[in-house]
Amino acid sequence: FTLGDDGMPGASRQLAVFRVLKVLKLTKLLRVFRSSRILKRMEQQMSIKFGVIKLLKFIVMIVMVAHWMACFYYLAGTMNEPSTQHESWINSHEYPEYYSFWDMYVLALYWAIMTITTIGYGDVPSGTTTERVVSIFCMILGACLYSYIVGTVTTVVQGLDISRRAFEDKMDSINDYMSLSCFPTHLRRRIRAYCFYQRDTKSFLPQERDLYASVSPALRSMCAYYKYNVLLKRVPYFQNSPTQVISELALLL
């Protein structure tokens, strides 16, 4: 601590300590993670693909991490002794004199995004030891986050089109089987043409037995009813039949 004439810590260092205490209060924001319950409810109510949901979660995570990094970097720029204030990134440029607080936040956020994406133009340099320590921590965090996101997003994007991926796996298996069985060329072409016909006519879809096997008997009856009730009620004998009868008939058929 820098002591004054009365033996008490200097005002600048006291102000820095108070700012650190305010930052520690940010831990209360961890309660936001309880919103995962809300997200789970939304996933149950919406039919959005899980790959799209994961991409949205990654975007939100990047924004949150970049925001926190920007706040800490700006805080590090204000936690300096009067003798080193001119070396801070806040005072090492000409624009801060007329920039507003919002402009400085955008500048810090710009530095945070550069750090996360490992671009690092270097136009917002760290001038003091405190800023360099924060920069080192943020660079390590940003490198880990960027590597994790790139690897995961690649997997997510590949799995967005499930039907196409399943069709490609199926075609690979069929081609291997025809090669091992020594099928003639004309037969292989006909088989491949038929498989592509199925794909183009949307016939290559998950079997409804897979859906029925994953739900309860009551839901299974409801699914069968809503899919086949119009067809069954075209029969005069079944026009006035109860819903349960139509459901049981649909399941038997």
C-alpha atoms as a PDB file:
ATOM      1  CA  PHE A   1       0.000   0.000   0.000  1.00  0.00           C
ATOM      2  CA  THR A   2       1.065   3.565  -0.624  1.00  0.00           C
ATOM      3  CA  LEU A   3       0.906   5.339   2.741  1.00  0.00           C
ATOM      4  CA  GLY A   4      -0.052   8.989   3.122  1.00  0.00           C
ATOM      5  CA  ASP A   5       1.195  11.509   5.641  1.00  0.00           C
ATOM      6  CA  ASP A   6      -1.141  10.116   8.292  1.00  0.00           C
ATOM      7  CA  GLY A   7       0.075   6.547   7.782  1.00  0.00           C
ATOM      8  CA  MET A   8      -3.157   5.471   6.029  1.00  0.00           C
ATOM      9  CA  PRO A   9      -3.295   3.790   2.624  1.00  0.00           C
ATOM     10  CA  GLY A  10      -3.365   6.129  -0.343  1.00  0.00           C
ATOM     11  CA  ALA A  11      -6.675   7.145  -1.851  1.00  0.00           C
ATOM     12  CA  SER A  12      -5.868   5.609  -5.215  1.00  0.00           C
ATOM     13  CA  ARG A  13      -5.117   2.211  -3.738  1.00  0.00           C
ATOM     14  CA  GLN A  14      -8.228   2.362  -1.550  1.00  0.00           C
ATOM     15  CA  LEU A  15     -10.289   3.071  -4.622  1.00  0.00           C
ATOM     16  CA  ALA A  16      -8.747   0.086  -6.366  1.00  0.00           C
ATOM     17  CA  VAL A  17      -9.576  -2.170  -3.398  1.00  0.00           C
ATOM     18  CA  PHE A  18     -13.183  -1.011  -3.464  1.00  0.00           C
ATOM     19  CA  ARG A  19     -13.362  -1.784  -7.163  1.00  0.00           C
ATOM     20  CA  VAL A  20     -12.030  -5.286  -6.561  1.00  0.00           C
ATOM     21  CA  LEU A  21     -14.720  -5.818  -3.930  1.00  0.00           C
ATOM     22  CA  LYS A  22     -17.335  -4.723  -6.426  1.00  0.00           C
ATOM     23  CA  VAL A  23     -15.985  -7.212  -8.908  1.00  0.00           C
ATOM     24  CA  LEU A  24     -16.271  -9.978  -6.328  1.00  0.00           C
ATOM     25  CA  LYS A  25     -19.976  -9.192  -6.107  1.00  0.00           C
ATOM     26  CA  LEU A  26     -20.235 -10.324  -9.708  1.00  0.00           C
ATOM     27  CA  THR A  27     -20.207 -13.875  -8.390  1.00  0.00           C
ATOM     28  CA  LYS A  28     -23.861 -13.341  -7.613  1.00  0.00           C
ATOM     29  CA  LEU A  29     -24.413 -13.398 -11.353  1.00  0.00           C
ATOM     30  CA  LEU A  30     -23.662 -17.105 -11.245  1.00  0.00           C
ATOM     31  CA  ARG A  31     -27.282 -17.504 -10.284  1.00  0.00           C
ATOM     32  CA  VAL A  32     -28.007 -16.902 -13.934  1.00  0.00           C
ATOM     33  CA  PHE A  33     -26.949 -20.474 -14.567  1.00  0.00           C
ATOM     34  CA  ARG A  34     -30.117 -21.541 -12.840  1.00  0.00           C
ATOM     35  CA  SER A  35     -31.851 -20.453 -16.006  1.00  0.00           C
ATOM     36  CA  SER A  36     -30.825 -23.830 -17.440  1.00  0.00           C
ATOM     37  CA  ARG A  37     -34.138 -25.126 -16.128  1.00  0.00           C
ATOM     38  CA  ILE A  38     -35.915 -22.569 -18.272  1.00  0.00           C
ATOM     39  CA  LEU A  39     -33.854 -23.609 -21.279  1.00  0.00           C
ATOM     40  CA  LYS A  40     -34.780 -27.252 -20.731  1.00  0.00           C
ATOM     41  CA  ARG A  41     -38.459 -26.323 -20.671  1.00  0.00           C
ATOM     42  CA  MET A  42     -38.033 -24.363 -23.890  1.00  0.00           C
ATOM     43  CA  GLU A  43     -36.327 -27.339 -25.524  1.00  0.00           C
ATOM     44  CA  GLN A  44     -39.311 -29.508 -24.600  1.00  0.00           C
ATOM     45  CA  GLN A  45     -41.810 -27.027 -26.043  1.00  0.00           C
ATOM     46  CA  MET A  46     -39.973 -26.189 -29.287  1.00  0.00           C
ATOM     47  CA  SER A  47     -39.066 -28.509 -32.155  1.00  0.00           C
ATOM     48  CA  ILE A  48     -35.738 -26.821 -32.928  1.00  0.00           C
ATOM     49  CA  LYS A  49     -32.854 -29.121 -33.764  1.00  0.00           C
ATOM     50  CA  PHE A  50     -30.406 -29.641 -30.933  1.00  0.00           C
ATOM     51  CA  GLY A  51     -27.556 -28.613 -33.202  1.00  0.00           C
ATOM     52  CA  VAL A  52     -29.097 -25.171 -33.669  1.00  0.00           C
ATOM     53  CA  ILE A  53     -29.678 -24.884 -29.920  1.00  0.00           C
ATOM     54  CA  LYS A  54     -26.021 -25.738 -29.263  1.00  0.00           C
ATOM     55  CA  LEU A  55     -24.887 -23.081 -31.730  1.00  0.00           C
ATOM     56  CA  LEU A  56     -27.061 -20.487 -30.004  1.00  0.00           C
ATOM     57  CA  LYS A  57     -25.633 -21.524 -26.632  1.00  0.00           C
ATOM     58  CA  PHE A  58     -22.092 -21.108 -27.958  1.00  0.00           C
ATOM     59  CA  ILE A  59     -22.892 -17.614 -29.225  1.00  0.00           C
ATOM     60  CA  VAL A  60     -24.331 -16.626 -25.844  1.00  0.00           C
ATOM     61  CA  MET A  61     -21.313 -18.117 -24.057  1.00  0.00           C
ATOM     62  CA  ILE A  62     -18.875 -16.183 -26.269  1.00  0.00           C
ATOM     63  CA  VAL A  63     -20.744 -12.923 -25.645  1.00  0.00           C
ATOM     64  CA  MET A  64     -20.766 -13.496 -21.868  1.00  0.00           C
ATOM     65  CA  VAL A  65     -17.065 -14.405 -21.683  1.00  0.00           C
ATOM     66  CA  ALA A  66     -16.107 -11.463 -23.902  1.00  0.00           C
ATOM     67  CA  HIS A  67     -18.177  -9.108 -21.732  1.00  0.00           C
ATOM     68  CA  TRP A  68     -16.476 -10.285 -18.530  1.00  0.00           C
ATOM     69  CA  MET A  69     -13.031 -10.086 -20.111  1.00  0.00           C
ATOM     70  CA  ALA A  70     -13.753  -6.540 -21.289  1.00  0.00           C
ATOM     71  CA  CYS A  71     -14.887  -5.522 -17.799  1.00  0.00           C
ATOM     72  CA  PHE A  72     -11.787  -6.983 -16.142  1.00  0.00           C
ATOM     73  CA  TYR A  73      -9.479  -5.412 -18.715  1.00  0.00           C
ATOM     74  CA  TYR A  74     -11.023  -1.992 -18.174  1.00  0.00           C
ATOM     75  CA  LEU A  75     -10.800  -2.520 -14.415  1.00  0.00           C
ATOM     76  CA  ALA A  76      -7.115  -3.421 -14.750  1.00  0.00           C
ATOM     77  CA  GLY A  77      -6.566  -0.179 -16.636  1.00  0.00           C
ATOM     78  CA  THR A  78      -7.922   1.829 -13.709  1.00  0.00           C
ATOM     79  CA  MET A  79      -6.031  -0.065 -10.951  1.00  0.00           C
ATOM     80  CA  ASN A  80      -2.683   1.657 -11.325  1.00  0.00           C
ATOM     81  CA  GLU A  81      -0.532   3.953  -9.249  1.00  0.00           C
ATOM     82  CA  PRO A  82      -0.540   7.636 -10.221  1.00  0.00           C
ATOM     83  CA  SER A  83       3.032   7.253 -11.435  1.00  0.00           C
ATOM     84  CA  THR A  84       2.055   4.536 -13.934  1.00  0.00           C
ATOM     85  CA  GLN A  85      -1.343   5.833 -14.997  1.00  0.00           C
ATOM     86  CA  HIS A  86       0.132   7.243 -18.201  1.00  0.00           C
ATOM     87  CA  GLU A  87       1.319   3.742 -19.181  1.00  0.00           C
ATOM     88  CA  SER A  88      -2.175   2.229 -19.003  1.00  0.00           C
ATOM     89  CA  TRP A  89      -3.957   1.344 -22.214  1.00  0.00           C
ATOM     90  CA  ILE A  90      -6.689   3.769 -21.192  1.00  0.00           C
ATOM     91  CA  ASN A  91      -4.298   6.739 -21.164  1.00  0.00           C
ATOM     92  CA  SER A  92      -1.883   5.605 -23.846  1.00  0.00           C
ATOM     93  CA  HIS A  93      -4.064   6.806 -26.703  1.00  0.00           C
ATOM     94  CA  GLU A  94      -5.409  10.178 -27.754  1.00  0.00           C
ATOM     95  CA  TYR A  95      -9.068   9.239 -28.096  1.00  0.00           C
ATOM     96  CA  PRO A  96      -9.917   8.504 -24.412  1.00  0.00           C
ATOM     97  CA  GLU A  97      -9.973  12.243 -23.700  1.00  0.00           C
ATOM     98  CA  TYR A  98     -13.201  12.700 -25.596  1.00  0.00           C
ATOM     99  CA  TYR A  99     -14.509   9.116 -25.687  1.00  0.00           C
ATOM    100  CA  SER A 100     -17.500   8.309 -23.491  1.00  0.00           C
ATOM    101  CA  PHE A 101     -17.675   5.375 -21.088  1.00  0.00           C
ATOM    102  CA  TRP A 102     -19.640   3.422 -23.678  1.00  0.00           C
ATOM    103  CA  ASP A 103     -16.901   4.008 -26.250  1.00  0.00           C
ATOM    104  CA  MET A 104     -14.302   2.694 -23.819  1.00  0.00           C
ATOM    105  CA  TYR A 105     -16.430  -0.396 -23.132  1.00  0.00           C
ATOM    106  CA  VAL A 106     -16.709  -1.084 -26.855  1.00  0.00           C
ATOM    107  CA  LEU A 107     -12.933  -0.710 -27.132  1.00  0.00           C
ATOM    108  CA  ALA A 108     -12.385  -3.182 -24.284  1.00  0.00           C
ATOM    109  CA  LEU A 109     -14.934  -5.558 -25.834  1.00  0.00           C
ATOM    110  CA  TYR A 110     -13.102  -5.222 -29.140  1.00  0.00           C
ATOM    111  CA  TRP A 111      -9.888  -6.266 -27.363  1.00  0.00           C
ATOM    112  CA  ALA A 112     -11.700  -9.218 -25.718  1.00  0.00           C
ATOM    113  CA  ILE A 113     -13.070 -10.528 -29.022  1.00  0.00           C
ATOM    114  CA  MET A 114      -9.618 -10.226 -30.595  1.00  0.00           C
ATOM    115  CA  THR A 115      -8.151 -12.210 -27.697  1.00  0.00           C
ATOM    116  CA  ILE A 116     -10.775 -14.974 -27.859  1.00  0.00           C
ATOM    117  CA  THR A 117     -10.455 -15.376 -31.616  1.00  0.00           C
ATOM    118  CA  THR A 118      -6.627 -15.279 -31.346  1.00  0.00           C
ATOM    119  CA  ILE A 119      -6.420 -12.441 -33.914  1.00  0.00           C
ATOM    120  CA  GLY A 120      -4.518  -9.960 -31.749  1.00  0.00           C
ATOM    121  CA  TYR A 121      -4.038  -6.850 -33.883  1.00  0.00           C
ATOM    122  CA  GLY A 122      -2.116  -5.222 -31.031  1.00  0.00           C
ATOM    123  CA  ASP A 123      -3.782  -1.820 -31.357  1.00  0.00           C
ATOM    124  CA  VAL A 124      -4.949  -2.002 -27.715  1.00  0.00           C
ATOM    125  CA  PRO A 125      -1.676  -2.863 -25.943  1.00  0.00           C
ATOM    126  CA  SER A 126      -1.192  -3.661 -22.267  1.00  0.00           C
ATOM    127  CA  GLY A 127       1.027  -1.027 -20.693  1.00  0.00           C
ATOM    128  CA  THR A 128       1.208  -1.987 -16.995  1.00  0.00           C
ATOM    129  CA  THR A 129       1.951  -5.153 -15.060  1.00  0.00           C
ATOM    130  CA  THR A 130      -1.642  -5.521 -13.896  1.00  0.00           C
ATOM    131  CA  GLU A 131      -2.911  -5.254 -17.445  1.00  0.00           C
ATOM    132  CA  ARG A 132      -0.361  -7.799 -18.646  1.00  0.00           C
ATOM    133  CA  VAL A 133      -1.397 -10.280 -15.941  1.00  0.00           C
ATOM    134  CA  VAL A 134      -5.047  -9.893 -16.935  1.00  0.00           C
ATOM    135  CA  SER A 135      -4.066 -10.240 -20.605  1.00  0.00           C
ATOM    136  CA  ILE A 136      -2.155 -13.475 -19.939  1.00  0.00           C
ATOM    137  CA  PHE A 137      -5.109 -14.978 -18.113  1.00  0.00           C
ATOM    138  CA  CYS A 138      -7.534 -13.869 -20.825  1.00  0.00           C
ATOM    139  CA  MET A 139      -5.306 -15.218 -23.597  1.00  0.00           C
ATOM    140  CA  ILE A 140      -5.148 -18.648 -21.961  1.00  0.00           C
ATOM    141  CA  LEU A 141      -8.895 -18.638 -21.392  1.00  0.00           C
ATOM    142  CA  GLY A 142      -9.591 -17.386 -24.911  1.00  0.00           C
ATOM    143  CA  ALA A 143      -7.342 -20.008 -26.530  1.00  0.00           C
ATOM    144  CA  CYS A 144      -9.042 -22.840 -24.625  1.00  0.00           C
ATOM    145  CA  LEU A 145     -12.502 -21.476 -25.370  1.00  0.00           C
ATOM    146  CA  TYR A 146     -11.744 -20.942 -29.058  1.00  0.00           C
ATOM    147  CA  SER A 147     -10.338 -24.445 -29.481  1.00  0.00           C
ATOM    148  CA  TYR A 148     -13.307 -26.011 -27.717  1.00  0.00           C
ATOM    149  CA  ILE A 149     -15.836 -24.048 -29.752  1.00  0.00           C
ATOM    150  CA  VAL A 150     -14.187 -24.754 -33.111  1.00  0.00           C
ATOM    151  CA  GLY A 151     -14.059 -28.491 -32.425  1.00  0.00           C
ATOM    152  CA  THR A 152     -17.598 -28.693 -31.086  1.00  0.00           C
ATOM    153  CA  VAL A 153     -19.171 -26.454 -33.728  1.00  0.00           C
ATOM    154  CA  THR A 154     -17.613 -28.590 -36.464  1.00  0.00           C
ATOM    155  CA  THR A 155     -19.290 -31.667 -35.007  1.00  0.00           C
ATOM    156  CA  VAL A 156     -22.586 -29.845 -34.559  1.00  0.00           C
ATOM    157  CA  VAL A 157     -22.666 -28.538 -38.122  1.00  0.00           C
ATOM    158  CA  GLN A 158     -21.994 -32.015 -39.492  1.00  0.00           C
ATOM    159  CA  GLY A 159     -24.930 -33.386 -37.518  1.00  0.00           C
ATOM    160  CA  LEU A 160     -27.478 -30.716 -38.434  1.00  0.00           C
ATOM    161  CA  ASP A 161     -28.744 -32.674 -41.441  1.00  0.00           C
ATOM    162  CA  ILE A 162     -29.390 -36.051 -39.827  1.00  0.00           C
ATOM    163  CA  SER A 163     -31.225 -37.562 -42.797  1.00  0.00           C
ATOM    164  CA  ARG A 164     -28.399 -36.730 -45.195  1.00  0.00           C
ATOM    165  CA  ARG A 165     -25.781 -38.163 -42.880  1.00  0.00           C
ATOM    166  CA  ALA A 166     -27.846 -41.330 -42.380  1.00  0.00           C
ATOM    167  CA  PHE A 167     -28.296 -41.663 -46.142  1.00  0.00           C
ATOM    168  CA  GLU A 168     -24.568 -41.315 -46.765  1.00  0.00           C
ATOM    169  CA  ASP A 169     -23.796 -43.959 -44.126  1.00  0.00           C
ATOM    170  CA  LYS A 170     -26.395 -46.236 -45.663  1.00  0.00           C
ATOM    171  CA  MET A 171     -24.957 -45.801 -49.164  1.00  0.00           C
ATOM    172  CA  ASP A 172     -21.448 -46.550 -47.932  1.00  0.00           C
ATOM    173  CA  SER A 173     -22.680 -49.788 -46.367  1.00  0.00           C
ATOM    174  CA  ILE A 174     -24.585 -50.761 -49.510  1.00  0.00           C
ATOM    175  CA  ASN A 175     -21.578 -50.081 -51.751  1.00  0.00           C
ATOM    176  CA  ASP A 176     -19.328 -52.157 -49.496  1.00  0.00           C
ATOM    177  CA  TYR A 177     -21.818 -55.024 -49.490  1.00  0.00           C
ATOM    178  CA  MET A 178     -22.181 -54.971 -53.306  1.00  0.00           C
ATOM    179  CA  SER A 179     -18.414 -54.960 -53.733  1.00  0.00           C
ATOM    180  CA  LEU A 180     -17.936 -57.921 -51.401  1.00  0.00           C
ATOM    181  CA  SER A 181     -20.779 -59.780 -53.121  1.00  0.00           C
ATOM    182  CA  CYS A 182     -19.333 -59.091 -56.599  1.00  0.00           C
ATOM    183  CA  PHE A 183     -22.593 -57.707 -57.965  1.00  0.00           C
ATOM    184  CA  PRO A 184     -22.480 -56.819 -61.666  1.00  0.00           C
ATOM    185  CA  THR A 185     -22.126 -53.151 -62.604  1.00  0.00           C
ATOM    186  CA  HIS A 186     -25.628 -52.767 -64.051  1.00  0.00           C
ATOM    187  CA  LEU A 187     -27.195 -54.137 -60.855  1.00  0.00           C
ATOM    188  CA  ARG A 188     -25.133 -51.795 -58.686  1.00  0.00           C
ATOM    189  CA  ARG A 189     -26.281 -48.827 -60.758  1.00  0.00           C
ATOM    190  CA  ARG A 190     -29.934 -49.840 -60.446  1.00  0.00           C
ATOM    191  CA  ILE A 191     -29.641 -50.280 -56.674  1.00  0.00           C
ATOM    192  CA  ARG A 192     -27.927 -46.916 -56.257  1.00  0.00           C
ATOM    193  CA  ALA A 193     -30.508 -45.258 -58.514  1.00  0.00           C
ATOM    194  CA  TYR A 194     -33.315 -46.684 -56.397  1.00  0.00           C
ATOM    195  CA  CYS A 195     -31.685 -45.449 -53.162  1.00  0.00           C
ATOM    196  CA  PHE A 196     -31.283 -41.957 -54.591  1.00  0.00           C
ATOM    197  CA  TYR A 197     -34.905 -42.087 -55.739  1.00  0.00           C
ATOM    198  CA  GLN A 198     -35.934 -42.832 -52.170  1.00  0.00           C
ATOM    199  CA  ARG A 199     -33.903 -39.882 -50.938  1.00  0.00           C
ATOM    200  CA  ASP A 200     -35.279 -37.451 -53.528  1.00  0.00           C
ATOM    201  CA  THR A 201     -38.894 -38.477 -52.868  1.00  0.00           C
ATOM    202  CA  LYS A 202     -38.417 -38.140 -49.099  1.00  0.00           C
ATOM    203  CA  SER A 203     -38.982 -41.861 -48.669  1.00  0.00           C
ATOM    204  CA  PHE A 204     -35.745 -42.201 -46.761  1.00  0.00           C
ATOM    205  CA  LEU A 205     -37.147 -41.089 -43.409  1.00  0.00           C
ATOM    206  CA  PRO A 206     -36.957 -42.549 -39.904  1.00  0.00           C
ATOM    207  CA  GLN A 207     -39.407 -45.400 -39.395  1.00  0.00           C
ATOM    208  CA  GLU A 208     -42.429 -44.632 -37.270  1.00  0.00           C
ATOM    209  CA  ARG A 209     -41.746 -47.781 -35.276  1.00  0.00           C
ATOM    210  CA  ASP A 210     -38.698 -45.962 -33.894  1.00  0.00           C
ATOM    211  CA  LEU A 211     -40.946 -43.172 -32.628  1.00  0.00           C
ATOM    212  CA  TYR A 212     -43.511 -45.562 -31.200  1.00  0.00           C
ATOM    213  CA  ALA A 213     -40.816 -47.555 -29.415  1.00  0.00           C
ATOM    214  CA  SER A 214     -39.579 -44.447 -27.596  1.00  0.00           C
ATOM    215  CA  VAL A 215     -42.919 -43.225 -26.171  1.00  0.00           C
ATOM    216  CA  SER A 216     -45.502 -44.527 -23.747  1.00  0.00           C
ATOM    217  CA  PRO A 217     -48.499 -46.640 -24.891  1.00  0.00           C
ATOM    218  CA  ALA A 218     -50.847 -43.677 -24.435  1.00  0.00           C
ATOM    219  CA  LEU A 219     -48.699 -41.406 -26.603  1.00  0.00           C
ATOM    220  CA  ARG A 220     -48.314 -44.227 -29.118  1.00  0.00           C
ATOM    221  CA  SER A 221     -52.084 -44.414 -29.493  1.00  0.00           C
ATOM    222  CA  MET A 222     -52.351 -40.649 -29.885  1.00  0.00           C
ATOM    223  CA  CYS A 223     -49.666 -40.619 -32.589  1.00  0.00           C
ATOM    224  CA  ALA A 224     -51.406 -43.380 -34.515  1.00  0.00           C
ATOM    225  CA  TYR A 225     -54.763 -41.632 -34.172  1.00  0.00           C
ATOM    226  CA  TYR A 226     -53.623 -38.243 -35.474  1.00  0.00           C
ATOM    227  CA  LYS A 227     -51.819 -39.837 -38.412  1.00  0.00           C
ATOM    228  CA  TYR A 228     -54.471 -42.314 -39.590  1.00  0.00           C
ATOM    229  CA  ASN A 229     -57.841 -41.091 -38.283  1.00  0.00           C
ATOM    230  CA  VAL A 230     -58.691 -39.249 -41.513  1.00  0.00           C
ATOM    231  CA  LEU A 231     -57.957 -42.356 -43.568  1.00  0.00           C
ATOM    232  CA  LEU A 232     -59.941 -44.688 -41.310  1.00  0.00           C
ATOM    233  CA  LYS A 233     -62.946 -42.386 -41.020  1.00  0.00           C
ATOM    234  CA  ARG A 234     -63.340 -42.486 -44.782  1.00  0.00           C
ATOM    235  CA  VAL A 235     -64.728 -45.974 -44.228  1.00  0.00           C
ATOM    236  CA  PRO A 236     -68.471 -45.524 -43.528  1.00  0.00           C
ATOM    237  CA  TYR A 237     -68.431 -48.170 -40.808  1.00  0.00           C
ATOM    238  CA  PHE A 238     -65.837 -46.229 -38.781  1.00  0.00           C
ATOM    239  CA  GLN A 239     -67.171 -42.677 -39.253  1.00  0.00           C
ATOM    240  CA  ASN A 240     -68.864 -42.553 -35.860  1.00  0.00           C
ATOM    241  CA  SER A 241     -66.459 -44.793 -33.996  1.00  0.00           C
ATOM    242  CA  PRO A 242     -64.927 -43.563 -30.713  1.00  0.00           C
ATOM    243  CA  THR A 243     -61.410 -42.200 -30.656  1.00  0.00           C
ATOM    244  CA  GLN A 244     -60.090 -45.208 -28.729  1.00  0.00           C
ATOM    245  CA  VAL A 245     -61.390 -47.596 -31.360  1.00  0.00           C
ATOM    246  CA  ILE A 246     -59.743 -45.612 -34.170  1.00  0.00           C
ATOM    247  CA  SER A 247     -56.476 -45.521 -32.238  1.00  0.00           C
ATOM    248  CA  GLU A 248     -56.458 -49.275 -31.647  1.00  0.00           C
ATOM    249  CA  LEU A 249     -57.284 -49.955 -35.277  1.00  0.00           C
ATOM    250  CA  ALA A 250     -54.467 -47.650 -36.423  1.00  0.00           C
ATOM    251  CA  LEU A 251     -51.994 -49.461 -34.199  1.00  0.00           C
ATOM    252  CA  LEU A 252     -53.130 -52.900 -35.436  1.00  0.00           C
ATOM    253  CA  LEU A 253     -52.967 -51.843 -39.068  1.00  0.00           C
END
